[in-house]
């Protein structure tokens, strides 16, 4: 699978291939050979988070992230170092949000 990341310094949604059928389910895959702009070093997830809870409140100096909503949906507001904000909504498990370094979430 070839992934197109248009600009390495801007957040963007990335659509990953999805394989399967409604009757048997679906699978999507992310791996380092997909030409991601970083090497996957750690995988973590949150779950059972109440709808009214806000998480994040931080930025990373070097870390780049790929965020998925495996189940349900989530809204992520990102802010760059100039204070410019952009809102993203994730509601499909095969779409990831690429978050470059230095973006507050």
C-alpha atoms as a PDB file:
ATOM      1  CA  UNK A   1       0.000   0.000   0.000  1.00  0.00           C
ATOM      2  CA  UNK A   2       1.325   3.415  -0.933  1.00  0.00           C
ATOM      3  CA  UNK A   3       0.423   6.223   1.456  1.00  0.00           C
ATOM      4  CA  UNK A   4       0.478   9.796   0.257  1.00  0.00           C
ATOM      5  CA  UNK A   5       1.432  12.382   2.849  1.00  0.00           C
ATOM      6  CA  UNK A   6       1.212  15.710   1.088  1.00  0.00           C
ATOM      7  CA  UNK A   7       3.076  17.932   3.528  1.00  0.00           C
ATOM      8  CA  UNK A   8       5.141  16.519   6.378  1.00  0.00           C
ATOM      9  CA  UNK A   9       4.671  19.616   8.563  1.00  0.00           C
ATOM     10  CA  UNK A  10       0.857  19.792   8.332  1.00  0.00           C
ATOM     11  CA  UNK A  11      -1.775  17.584   9.987  1.00  0.00           C
ATOM     12  CA  UNK A  12      -3.821  15.585   7.521  1.00  0.00           C
ATOM     13  CA  UNK A  13      -6.246  12.698   7.271  1.00  0.00           C
ATOM     14  CA  UNK A  14      -4.879   9.529   5.681  1.00  0.00           C
ATOM     15  CA  UNK A  15      -7.168   6.879   4.230  1.00  0.00           C
ATOM     16  CA  UNK A  16      -5.783   3.352   4.717  1.00  0.00           C
ATOM     17  CA  UNK A  17      -6.947   0.446   2.587  1.00  0.00           C
ATOM     18  CA  UNK A  18      -9.724  -1.630   4.077  1.00  0.00           C
ATOM     19  CA  UNK A  19     -10.218  -5.284   3.148  1.00  0.00           C
ATOM     20  CA  UNK A  20     -13.224  -7.478   3.809  1.00  0.00           C
ATOM     21  CA  UNK A  21     -16.972  -7.683   3.529  1.00  0.00           C
ATOM     22  CA  UNK A  22     -19.899  -6.825   5.756  1.00  0.00           C
ATOM     23  CA  UNK A  23     -20.634 -10.496   6.378  1.00  0.00           C
ATOM     24  CA  UNK A  24     -17.145 -11.346   7.690  1.00  0.00           C
ATOM     25  CA  UNK A  25     -15.756  -8.018   8.868  1.00  0.00           C
ATOM     26  CA  UNK A  26     -12.895  -5.791   7.752  1.00  0.00           C
ATOM     27  CA  UNK A  27      -9.200  -5.351   8.373  1.00  0.00           C
ATOM     28  CA  UNK A  28      -6.841  -2.435   7.775  1.00  0.00           C
ATOM     29  CA  UNK A  29      -3.071  -2.518   8.219  1.00  0.00           C
ATOM     30  CA  UNK A  30      -0.408   0.074   9.034  1.00  0.00           C
ATOM     31  CA  UNK A  31       3.248  -0.891   8.916  1.00  0.00           C
ATOM     32  CA  UNK A  32       6.606   0.841   8.714  1.00  0.00           C
ATOM     33  CA  UNK A  33       7.099  -0.128   5.080  1.00  0.00           C
ATOM     34  CA  UNK A  34       4.085   2.049   4.140  1.00  0.00           C
ATOM     35  CA  UNK A  35       6.429   5.036   3.716  1.00  0.00           C
ATOM     36  CA  UNK A  36       5.115   6.793   6.787  1.00  0.00           C
ATOM     37  CA  UNK A  37       7.067   9.953   7.647  1.00  0.00           C
ATOM     38  CA  UNK A  38       8.255   8.242  10.841  1.00  0.00           C
ATOM     39  CA  UNK A  39       9.074   4.791  12.182  1.00  0.00           C
ATOM     40  CA  UNK A  40       6.399   3.266  14.400  1.00  0.00           C
ATOM     41  CA  UNK A  41       7.968   2.860  17.835  1.00  0.00           C
ATOM     42  CA  UNK A  42       4.998   2.608  20.181  1.00  0.00           C
ATOM     43  CA  UNK A  43       1.285   1.881  19.929  1.00  0.00           C
ATOM     44  CA  UNK A  44      -1.184   2.949  22.602  1.00  0.00           C
ATOM     45  CA  UNK A  45      -4.904   3.612  22.815  1.00  0.00           C
ATOM     46  CA  UNK A  46      -7.530   5.007  25.107  1.00  0.00           C
ATOM     47  CA  UNK A  47     -10.958   3.512  25.647  1.00  0.00           C
ATOM     48  CA  UNK A  48     -14.147   3.869  27.651  1.00  0.00           C
ATOM     49  CA  UNK A  49     -13.546   7.614  27.753  1.00  0.00           C
ATOM     50  CA  UNK A  50     -16.772   9.485  28.621  1.00  0.00           C
ATOM     51  CA  UNK A  51     -18.060  11.770  25.859  1.00  0.00           C
ATOM     52  CA  UNK A  52     -17.654  14.942  27.938  1.00  0.00           C
ATOM     53  CA  UNK A  53     -13.965  14.327  28.757  1.00  0.00           C
ATOM     54  CA  UNK A  54     -11.264  16.375  27.034  1.00  0.00           C
ATOM     55  CA  UNK A  55      -7.860  14.731  26.737  1.00  0.00           C
ATOM     56  CA  UNK A  56      -4.522  15.982  25.467  1.00  0.00           C
ATOM     57  CA  UNK A  57      -3.507  19.508  26.455  1.00  0.00           C
ATOM     58  CA  UNK A  58       0.056  18.986  25.272  1.00  0.00           C
ATOM     59  CA  UNK A  59       2.397  19.011  22.273  1.00  0.00           C
ATOM     60  CA  UNK A  60       5.475  16.962  21.452  1.00  0.00           C
ATOM     61  CA  UNK A  61       8.842  18.432  20.473  1.00  0.00           C
ATOM     62  CA  UNK A  62       9.874  15.492  18.297  1.00  0.00           C
ATOM     63  CA  UNK A  63       7.103  12.882  18.334  1.00  0.00           C
ATOM     64  CA  UNK A  64       4.907  12.469  15.261  1.00  0.00           C
ATOM     65  CA  UNK A  65       1.633  10.602  15.665  1.00  0.00           C
ATOM     66  CA  UNK A  66      -0.987   8.746  13.709  1.00  0.00           C
ATOM     67  CA  UNK A  67      -4.330   8.744  15.549  1.00  0.00           C
ATOM     68  CA  UNK A  68      -7.301   6.468  14.801  1.00  0.00           C
ATOM     69  CA  UNK A  69     -10.837   6.159  16.154  1.00  0.00           C
ATOM     70  CA  UNK A  70     -11.046   2.370  16.220  1.00  0.00           C
ATOM     71  CA  UNK A  71     -14.614   2.507  17.511  1.00  0.00           C
ATOM     72  CA  UNK A  72     -17.037   5.420  17.624  1.00  0.00           C
ATOM     73  CA  UNK A  73     -15.829   8.886  16.751  1.00  0.00           C
ATOM     74  CA  UNK A  74     -13.702  11.657  18.140  1.00  0.00           C
ATOM     75  CA  UNK A  75     -12.984  15.290  17.460  1.00  0.00           C
ATOM     76  CA  UNK A  76      -9.435  16.564  17.691  1.00  0.00           C
ATOM     77  CA  UNK A  77      -8.529  20.233  17.698  1.00  0.00           C
ATOM     78  CA  UNK A  78      -4.903  20.876  16.774  1.00  0.00           C
ATOM     79  CA  UNK A  79      -3.055  24.156  17.252  1.00  0.00           C
ATOM     80  CA  UNK A  80       0.263  25.068  15.647  1.00  0.00           C
ATOM     81  CA  UNK A  81       2.983  27.250  17.177  1.00  0.00           C
ATOM     82  CA  UNK A  82       1.395  30.352  15.572  1.00  0.00           C
ATOM     83  CA  UNK A  83      -1.866  29.727  17.440  1.00  0.00           C
ATOM     84  CA  UNK A  84      -3.748  28.644  14.306  1.00  0.00           C
ATOM     85  CA  UNK A  85      -6.337  25.964  15.090  1.00  0.00           C
ATOM     86  CA  UNK A  86      -7.871  23.242  12.959  1.00  0.00           C
ATOM     87  CA  UNK A  87     -10.561  20.712  13.912  1.00  0.00           C
ATOM     88  CA  UNK A  88     -10.566  17.110  12.671  1.00  0.00           C
ATOM     89  CA  UNK A  89     -13.216  14.449  13.152  1.00  0.00           C
ATOM     90  CA  UNK A  90     -12.367  10.765  13.047  1.00  0.00           C
ATOM     91  CA  UNK A  91     -15.290   8.392  12.570  1.00  0.00           C
ATOM     92  CA  UNK A  92     -13.926   5.545  10.457  1.00  0.00           C
ATOM     93  CA  UNK A  93     -11.400   2.970  11.703  1.00  0.00           C
ATOM     94  CA  UNK A  94      -9.436   3.006   8.432  1.00  0.00           C
ATOM     95  CA  UNK A  95      -8.792   6.768   8.454  1.00  0.00           C
ATOM     96  CA  UNK A  96      -5.924   8.083  10.531  1.00  0.00           C
ATOM     97  CA  UNK A  97      -4.932  11.613  11.484  1.00  0.00           C
ATOM     98  CA  UNK A  98      -1.252  12.388  10.955  1.00  0.00           C
ATOM     99  CA  UNK A  99      -0.080  14.850  13.628  1.00  0.00           C
ATOM    100  CA  UNK A 100       3.396  16.349  13.051  1.00  0.00           C
ATOM    101  CA  UNK A 101       5.590  17.472  15.927  1.00  0.00           C
ATOM    102  CA  UNK A 102       4.885  20.790  17.685  1.00  0.00           C
ATOM    103  CA  UNK A 103       1.088  20.654  17.364  1.00  0.00           C
ATOM    104  CA  UNK A 104      -0.952  21.086  20.538  1.00  0.00           C
ATOM    105  CA  UNK A 105      -3.851  18.724  20.869  1.00  0.00           C
END
